[in-house]
Amino acid sequence: MDLIFTKEQLPTAAKQFLQIAGDTKVFAFHGEMGAGKTTFIHAICDAKGVKDVVGSPTFSIINEYAYNCDGTKRILFHIDLYRLKDEAEAIQTGVEDCLFSDYPCFVEWPDKAPGIFPPDTMHVHLSIIDSQTRRLTITDK
């Protein structure tokens, strides 16, 4: 499945993505530097109604955001594995706990620790078409 969108279409693309995602909890975002992983996850947070300031977790590794769903306060995790060396370091920092917490987890640079992801992880590949346009492809790996 592919979604092609421009920066202006980002809010709509994020909403379409959430509809496609359904009950999936863990999302592994693949893509080169500058492909728009953080930007797309930010748009997902906006679509979910996150009121916190959403930023890149490159240095914190894990950001936790709150949102309301049907009047109930929920949380989601935005995780960036870029600075980690391997799976052992990901486990030490608590990433695995987040992935199996039953809360939505949006993970950038999953190739740094591929063995810790649940089998039902949705793999999201972002690629650059041009300076304003991105392609999002969903796969099972």
N, C-alpha and C. Protein backbone atom coordinates (compact mmCIF):
# COMPACT_ATOMS: atom_id res chain seq x y z
N MET A 1 0.84 -1.17 0.00
CA MET A 1 0.00 0.00 0.00
C MET A 1 0.88 1.23 0.00
N ASP A 2 0.60 2.17 -0.87
CA ASP A 2 1.36 3.40 -0.96
C ASP A 2 0.47 4.61 -0.72
N LEU A 3 1.03 5.60 -0.05
CA LEU A 3 0.43 6.92 0.08
C LEU A 3 1.47 7.90 -0.45
N ILE A 4 1.08 8.75 -1.37
CA ILE A 4 1.98 9.79 -1.86
C ILE A 4 1.36 11.11 -1.42
N PHE A 5 2.18 11.97 -0.81
CA PHE A 5 1.65 13.21 -0.25
C PHE A 5 2.70 14.30 -0.27
N THR A 6 2.22 15.54 -0.25
CA THR A 6 3.09 16.71 -0.13
C THR A 6 3.01 17.21 1.31
N LYS A 7 3.82 18.19 1.62
CA LYS A 7 3.81 18.75 2.98
C LYS A 7 2.41 19.30 3.32
N GLU A 8 1.76 19.92 2.34
CA GLU A 8 0.42 20.47 2.57
C GLU A 8 -0.60 19.36 2.83
N GLN A 9 -0.37 18.20 2.28
CA GLN A 9 -1.30 17.08 2.44
C GLN A 9 -0.99 16.21 3.66
N LEU A 10 0.02 16.58 4.40
CA LEU A 10 0.48 15.78 5.55
C LEU A 10 -0.62 15.48 6.57
N PRO A 11 -1.42 16.46 7.01
CA PRO A 11 -2.48 16.13 7.99
C PRO A 11 -3.46 15.08 7.46
N THR A 12 -3.83 15.18 6.20
CA THR A 12 -4.75 14.21 5.61
C THR A 12 -4.09 12.84 5.51
N ALA A 13 -2.82 12.82 5.10
CA ALA A 13 -2.09 11.55 4.99
C ALA A 13 -1.98 10.87 6.34
N ALA A 14 -1.73 11.65 7.40
CA ALA A 14 -1.63 11.07 8.74
C ALA A 14 -2.96 10.45 9.17
N LYS A 15 -4.06 11.11 8.88
CA LYS A 15 -5.37 10.56 9.22
C LYS A 15 -5.66 9.29 8.42
N GLN A 16 -5.30 9.29 7.13
CA GLN A 16 -5.48 8.09 6.31
C GLN A 16 -4.64 6.94 6.88
N PHE A 17 -3.41 7.26 7.27
CA PHE A 17 -2.52 6.25 7.83
C PHE A 17 -3.14 5.63 9.09
N LEU A 18 -3.68 6.45 9.98
CA LEU A 18 -4.28 5.93 11.20
C LEU A 18 -5.48 5.04 10.91
N GLN A 19 -6.24 5.36 9.89
CA GLN A 19 -7.37 4.50 9.50
C GLN A 19 -6.86 3.14 9.01
N ILE A 20 -5.80 3.18 8.21
CA ILE A 20 -5.21 1.94 7.70
C ILE A 20 -4.61 1.13 8.84
N ALA A 21 -3.99 1.80 9.79
CA ALA A 21 -3.30 1.13 10.89
C ALA A 21 -4.25 0.36 11.79
N GLY A 22 -5.47 0.82 11.92
CA GLY A 22 -6.44 0.11 12.76
C GLY A 22 -5.95 -0.04 14.18
N ASP A 23 -5.93 -1.27 14.67
CA ASP A 23 -5.54 -1.56 16.05
C ASP A 23 -4.04 -1.85 16.21
N THR A 24 -3.28 -1.69 15.16
CA THR A 24 -1.84 -1.94 15.25
C THR A 24 -1.24 -1.02 16.32
N LYS A 25 -0.31 -1.56 17.10
CA LYS A 25 0.30 -0.79 18.19
C LYS A 25 1.73 -0.35 17.91
N VAL A 26 2.49 -1.15 17.15
CA VAL A 26 3.91 -0.85 16.96
C VAL A 26 4.18 -0.58 15.49
N PHE A 27 4.83 0.56 15.25
CA PHE A 27 5.13 1.00 13.89
C PHE A 27 6.63 1.27 13.78
N ALA A 28 7.28 0.61 12.83
CA ALA A 28 8.71 0.79 12.59
C ALA A 28 8.86 1.67 11.35
N PHE A 29 9.41 2.86 11.54
CA PHE A 29 9.55 3.83 10.45
C PHE A 29 10.95 3.75 9.85
N HIS A 30 11.02 3.33 8.59
CA HIS A 30 12.27 3.22 7.85
C HIS A 30 12.37 4.38 6.87
N GLY A 31 13.59 4.80 6.59
CA GLY A 31 13.80 5.84 5.59
C GLY A 31 15.11 6.54 5.83
N GLU A 32 15.66 7.06 4.77
CA GLU A 32 16.94 7.76 4.90
C GLU A 32 16.77 9.04 5.70
N MET A 33 17.89 9.60 6.13
CA MET A 33 17.89 10.87 6.83
C MET A 33 17.20 11.91 5.94
N GLY A 34 16.25 12.64 6.51
CA GLY A 34 15.55 13.67 5.75
C GLY A 34 14.32 13.18 5.00
N ALA A 35 13.99 11.90 5.14
CA ALA A 35 12.83 11.35 4.42
C ALA A 35 11.51 11.83 5.03
N GLY A 36 11.54 12.28 6.28
CA GLY A 36 10.34 12.80 6.90
C GLY A 36 9.73 11.93 7.99
N LYS A 37 10.53 11.04 8.56
CA LYS A 37 10.01 10.15 9.61
C LYS A 37 9.47 10.94 10.80
N THR A 38 10.28 11.83 11.35
CA THR A 38 9.85 12.63 12.51
C THR A 38 8.67 13.52 12.15
N THR A 39 8.71 14.11 10.98
CA THR A 39 7.62 14.99 10.54
C THR A 39 6.31 14.23 10.42
N PHE A 40 6.38 13.02 9.86
CA PHE A 40 5.16 12.23 9.72
C PHE A 40 4.63 11.79 11.08
N ILE A 41 5.51 11.38 11.97
CA ILE A 41 5.07 10.98 13.32
C ILE A 41 4.47 12.18 14.05
N HIS A 42 5.03 13.36 13.85
CA HIS A 42 4.47 14.58 14.43
C HIS A 42 3.04 14.78 13.92
N ALA A 43 2.82 14.56 12.63
CA ALA A 43 1.48 14.70 12.05
C ALA A 43 0.51 13.66 12.63
N ILE A 44 1.02 12.46 12.89
CA ILE A 44 0.19 11.42 13.53
C ILE A 44 -0.21 11.88 14.94
N CYS A 45 0.76 12.43 15.68
CA CYS A 45 0.46 12.93 17.02
C CYS A 45 -0.60 14.04 16.96
N ASP A 46 -0.48 14.94 15.99
CA ASP A 46 -1.49 15.99 15.82
C ASP A 46 -2.86 15.37 15.54
N ALA A 47 -2.89 14.36 14.66
CA ALA A 47 -4.15 13.71 14.30
C ALA A 47 -4.78 13.00 15.50
N LYS A 48 -3.96 12.52 16.41
CA LYS A 48 -4.47 11.86 17.62
C LYS A 48 -4.86 12.85 18.71
N GLY A 49 -4.51 14.13 18.51
CA GLY A 49 -4.88 15.15 19.48
C GLY A 49 -3.86 15.34 20.59
N VAL A 50 -2.61 14.98 20.34
CA VAL A 50 -1.55 15.21 21.33
C VAL A 50 -1.40 16.71 21.52
N LYS A 51 -1.44 17.16 22.76
CA LYS A 51 -1.30 18.60 23.06
C LYS A 51 0.12 18.95 23.49
N ASP A 52 0.92 17.93 23.85
CA ASP A 52 2.31 18.16 24.25
C ASP A 52 3.11 18.68 23.06
N VAL A 53 4.24 19.31 23.34
CA VAL A 53 5.16 19.70 22.28
C VAL A 53 5.81 18.43 21.76
N VAL A 54 5.65 18.17 20.48
CA VAL A 54 6.19 16.96 19.86
C VAL A 54 7.53 17.32 19.22
N GLY A 55 8.56 16.57 19.59
CA GLY A 55 9.88 16.81 19.03
C GLY A 55 10.60 15.51 18.78
N SER A 56 11.75 15.62 18.19
CA SER A 56 12.53 14.43 17.89
C SER A 56 13.14 13.86 19.16
N PRO A 57 12.99 12.55 19.37
CA PRO A 57 13.61 11.92 20.55
C PRO A 57 15.03 11.43 20.29
N THR A 58 15.74 12.06 19.36
CA THR A 58 17.08 11.60 19.01
C THR A 58 17.99 11.52 20.23
N PHE A 59 17.91 12.50 21.12
CA PHE A 59 18.79 12.49 22.29
C PHE A 59 18.15 11.84 23.51
N SER A 60 16.84 11.95 23.65
CA SER A 60 16.16 11.34 24.80
C SER A 60 15.86 9.87 24.55
N ILE A 61 15.92 9.41 23.33
CA ILE A 61 15.60 8.06 22.86
C ILE A 61 14.09 7.81 22.86
N ILE A 62 13.42 8.08 23.99
CA ILE A 62 11.98 7.81 24.10
C ILE A 62 11.26 9.08 24.56
N ASN A 63 10.26 9.51 23.78
CA ASN A 63 9.37 10.58 24.21
C ASN A 63 7.99 9.96 24.45
N GLU A 64 7.36 10.37 25.51
CA GLU A 64 6.02 9.90 25.85
C GLU A 64 5.06 11.07 25.73
N TYR A 65 3.97 10.87 25.01
CA TYR A 65 2.98 11.93 24.81
C TYR A 65 1.62 11.45 25.28
N ALA A 66 0.84 12.39 25.80
CA ALA A 66 -0.52 12.10 26.26
C ALA A 66 -1.52 12.63 25.24
N TYR A 67 -2.64 11.93 25.12
CA TYR A 67 -3.75 12.38 24.28
C TYR A 67 -5.04 11.80 24.85
N ASN A 68 -6.16 12.35 24.41
CA ASN A 68 -7.47 11.85 24.85
C ASN A 68 -8.10 11.03 23.75
N CYS A 69 -8.67 9.91 24.15
CA CYS A 69 -9.39 9.05 23.21
C CYS A 69 -10.71 8.69 23.88
N ASP A 70 -11.80 9.18 23.32
CA ASP A 70 -13.13 8.92 23.88
C ASP A 70 -13.22 9.33 25.34
N GLY A 71 -12.59 10.46 25.68
CA GLY A 71 -12.64 10.97 27.04
C GLY A 71 -11.67 10.32 28.01
N THR A 72 -10.86 9.39 27.53
CA THR A 72 -9.90 8.69 28.36
C THR A 72 -8.49 9.15 28.01
N LYS A 73 -7.71 9.46 29.03
CA LYS A 73 -6.33 9.86 28.78
C LYS A 73 -5.50 8.63 28.38
N ARG A 74 -4.82 8.73 27.28
CA ARG A 74 -3.97 7.66 26.76
C ARG A 74 -2.56 8.20 26.55
N ILE A 75 -1.63 7.28 26.35
CA ILE A 75 -0.27 7.70 26.03
C ILE A 75 0.21 6.98 24.77
N LEU A 76 1.20 7.57 24.14
CA LEU A 76 1.89 6.92 23.03
C LEU A 76 3.37 7.23 23.16
N PHE A 77 4.17 6.38 22.56
CA PHE A 77 5.62 6.54 22.60
C PHE A 77 6.16 6.85 21.22
N HIS A 78 7.08 7.81 21.18
CA HIS A 78 7.84 8.14 19.97
C HIS A 78 9.29 7.81 20.31
N ILE A 79 9.85 6.88 19.58
CA ILE A 79 11.17 6.33 19.92
C ILE A 79 12.12 6.52 18.74
N ASP A 80 13.35 6.90 19.03
CA ASP A 80 14.36 7.08 17.98
C ASP A 80 15.59 6.27 18.37
N LEU A 81 15.89 5.25 17.59
CA LEU A 81 17.02 4.36 17.89
C LEU A 81 18.33 4.78 17.22
N TYR A 82 18.34 5.90 16.54
CA TYR A 82 19.50 6.32 15.75
C TYR A 82 20.81 6.29 16.52
N ARG A 83 20.81 6.76 17.77
CA ARG A 83 22.04 6.87 18.56
C ARG A 83 22.43 5.57 19.28
N LEU A 84 21.60 4.55 19.19
CA LEU A 84 21.90 3.30 19.88
C LEU A 84 22.80 2.40 19.03
N LYS A 85 23.59 1.60 19.73
CA LYS A 85 24.53 0.70 19.04
C LYS A 85 23.88 -0.60 18.59
N ASP A 86 23.02 -1.16 19.45
CA ASP A 86 22.51 -2.50 19.17
C ASP A 86 21.28 -2.80 20.01
N GLU A 87 20.79 -4.02 19.88
CA GLU A 87 19.59 -4.44 20.61
C GLU A 87 19.77 -4.41 22.12
N ALA A 88 20.95 -4.80 22.58
CA ALA A 88 21.20 -4.80 24.03
C ALA A 88 21.04 -3.39 24.60
N GLU A 89 21.56 -2.42 23.89
CA GLU A 89 21.43 -1.03 24.37
C GLU A 89 19.97 -0.57 24.31
N ALA A 90 19.23 -1.01 23.31
CA ALA A 90 17.81 -0.67 23.22
C ALA A 90 17.05 -1.26 24.41
N ILE A 91 17.36 -2.48 24.76
CA ILE A 91 16.71 -3.12 25.91
C ILE A 91 17.06 -2.38 27.19
N GLN A 92 18.34 -2.02 27.36
CA GLN A 92 18.78 -1.29 28.56
C GLN A 92 18.07 0.05 28.71
N THR A 93 17.76 0.72 27.61
CA THR A 93 17.11 2.03 27.69
C THR A 93 15.60 1.95 27.83
N GLY A 94 15.04 0.74 27.83
CA GLY A 94 13.61 0.57 28.05
C GLY A 94 12.76 0.52 26.80
N VAL A 95 13.39 0.46 25.64
CA VAL A 95 12.64 0.44 24.38
C VAL A 95 11.75 -0.80 24.29
N GLU A 96 12.29 -1.95 24.63
CA GLU A 96 11.51 -3.19 24.55
C GLU A 96 10.27 -3.12 25.45
N ASP A 97 10.42 -2.52 26.63
CA ASP A 97 9.27 -2.37 27.52
C ASP A 97 8.16 -1.57 26.85
N CYS A 98 8.54 -0.51 26.14
CA CYS A 98 7.55 0.31 25.42
C CYS A 98 6.87 -0.51 24.32
N LEU A 99 7.67 -1.27 23.56
CA LEU A 99 7.14 -2.02 22.43
C LEU A 99 6.10 -3.06 22.84
N PHE A 100 6.23 -3.57 24.05
CA PHE A 100 5.31 -4.60 24.54
C PHE A 100 4.35 -4.06 25.60
N SER A 101 4.20 -2.73 25.65
CA SER A 101 3.36 -2.09 26.67
C SER A 101 1.88 -2.04 26.30
N ASP A 102 1.54 -2.34 25.07
CA ASP A 102 0.18 -2.23 24.54
C ASP A 102 -0.22 -0.77 24.29
N TYR A 103 0.75 0.15 24.35
CA TYR A 103 0.53 1.53 23.95
C TYR A 103 1.08 1.71 22.54
N PRO A 104 0.51 2.63 21.77
CA PRO A 104 1.07 2.87 20.43
C PRO A 104 2.53 3.33 20.52
N CYS A 105 3.37 2.75 19.67
CA CYS A 105 4.80 3.08 19.62
C CYS A 105 5.18 3.36 18.17
N PHE A 106 5.78 4.52 17.96
CA PHE A 106 6.23 4.93 16.64
C PHE A 106 7.75 5.03 16.72
N VAL A 107 8.44 4.14 16.00
CA VAL A 107 9.88 3.96 16.17
C VAL A 107 10.63 4.33 14.90
N GLU A 108 11.58 5.27 15.04
CA GLU A 108 12.46 5.63 13.94
C GLU A 108 13.75 4.82 14.03
N TRP A 109 14.34 4.51 12.90
CA TRP A 109 15.59 3.75 12.78
C TRP A 109 15.49 2.36 13.43
N PRO A 110 14.45 1.58 13.10
CA PRO A 110 14.27 0.26 13.70
C PRO A 110 15.37 -0.74 13.34
N ASP A 111 16.10 -0.47 12.28
CA ASP A 111 17.18 -1.39 11.87
C ASP A 111 18.31 -1.47 12.89
N LYS A 112 18.34 -0.55 13.86
CA LYS A 112 19.36 -0.59 14.90
C LYS A 112 19.12 -1.73 15.89
N ALA A 113 17.87 -2.20 15.98
CA ALA A 113 17.55 -3.28 16.93
C ALA A 113 16.38 -4.10 16.40
N PRO A 114 16.54 -4.72 15.24
CA PRO A 114 15.41 -5.40 14.60
C PRO A 114 14.83 -6.57 15.37
N GLY A 115 15.62 -7.21 16.21
CA GLY A 115 15.17 -8.41 16.90
C GLY A 115 14.25 -8.18 18.07
N ILE A 116 14.02 -6.93 18.47
CA ILE A 116 13.19 -6.68 19.65
C ILE A 116 11.74 -6.33 19.31
N PHE A 117 11.42 -6.24 18.03
CA PHE A 117 10.07 -5.84 17.63
C PHE A 117 9.10 -7.02 17.67
N PRO A 118 7.85 -6.77 18.11
CA PRO A 118 6.84 -7.82 18.08
C PRO A 118 6.56 -8.26 16.64
N PRO A 119 6.09 -9.48 16.46
CA PRO A 119 5.85 -9.98 15.10
C PRO A 119 4.79 -9.20 14.32
N ASP A 120 3.86 -8.55 15.01
CA ASP A 120 2.80 -7.82 14.32
C ASP A 120 3.13 -6.35 14.06
N THR A 121 4.41 -6.00 14.14
CA THR A 121 4.85 -4.63 13.87
C THR A 121 4.53 -4.26 12.43
N MET A 122 4.01 -3.05 12.25
CA MET A 122 3.77 -2.54 10.90
C MET A 122 5.02 -1.76 10.48
N HIS A 123 5.58 -2.13 9.35
CA HIS A 123 6.78 -1.46 8.84
C HIS A 123 6.36 -0.39 7.83
N VAL A 124 6.80 0.82 8.10
CA VAL A 124 6.43 1.98 7.31
C VAL A 124 7.71 2.52 6.67
N HIS A 125 7.73 2.57 5.35
CA HIS A 125 8.90 3.04 4.61
C HIS A 125 8.58 4.38 3.98
N LEU A 126 9.36 5.39 4.35
CA LEU A 126 9.20 6.72 3.77
C LEU A 126 10.33 6.97 2.79
N SER A 127 10.00 7.46 1.62
CA SER A 127 11.03 7.78 0.64
C SER A 127 10.74 9.14 0.02
N ILE A 128 11.80 9.76 -0.43
CA ILE A 128 11.73 11.10 -1.02
C ILE A 128 11.44 10.97 -2.52
N ILE A 129 10.38 11.62 -2.96
CA ILE A 129 10.10 11.70 -4.40
C ILE A 129 10.75 12.98 -4.95
N ASP A 130 10.49 14.10 -4.28
CA ASP A 130 11.16 15.36 -4.59
C ASP A 130 11.16 16.20 -3.32
N SER A 131 11.57 17.45 -3.39
CA SER A 131 11.75 18.26 -2.18
C SER A 131 10.46 18.47 -1.40
N GLN A 132 9.31 18.32 -2.04
CA GLN A 132 8.03 18.55 -1.37
C GLN A 132 7.17 17.29 -1.24
N THR A 133 7.57 16.20 -1.87
CA THR A 133 6.70 15.03 -1.97
C THR A 133 7.37 13.79 -1.40
N ARG A 134 6.58 13.01 -0.65
CA ARG A 134 7.07 11.77 -0.06
C ARG A 134 6.15 10.61 -0.43
N ARG A 135 6.74 9.42 -0.41
CA ARG A 135 5.98 8.18 -0.62
C ARG A 135 6.06 7.39 0.68
N LEU A 136 4.92 6.94 1.15
CA LEU A 136 4.85 6.08 2.33
C LEU A 136 4.37 4.73 1.85
N THR A 137 5.14 3.69 2.17
CA THR A 137 4.79 2.33 1.79
C THR A 137 4.72 1.49 3.06
N ILE A 138 3.65 0.71 3.20
CA ILE A 138 3.48 -0.14 4.36
C ILE A 138 3.77 -1.58 3.95
N THR A 139 4.62 -2.24 4.74
CA THR A 139 4.95 -3.64 4.50
C THR A 139 4.93 -4.39 5.83
N ASP A 140 5.12 -5.71 5.76
CA ASP A 140 5.18 -6.48 7.00
C ASP A 140 6.63 -6.72 7.41
N LYS A 141 7.58 -6.15 6.71
CA LYS A 141 9.02 -6.24 7.07
C LYS A 141 9.74 -4.98 6.67
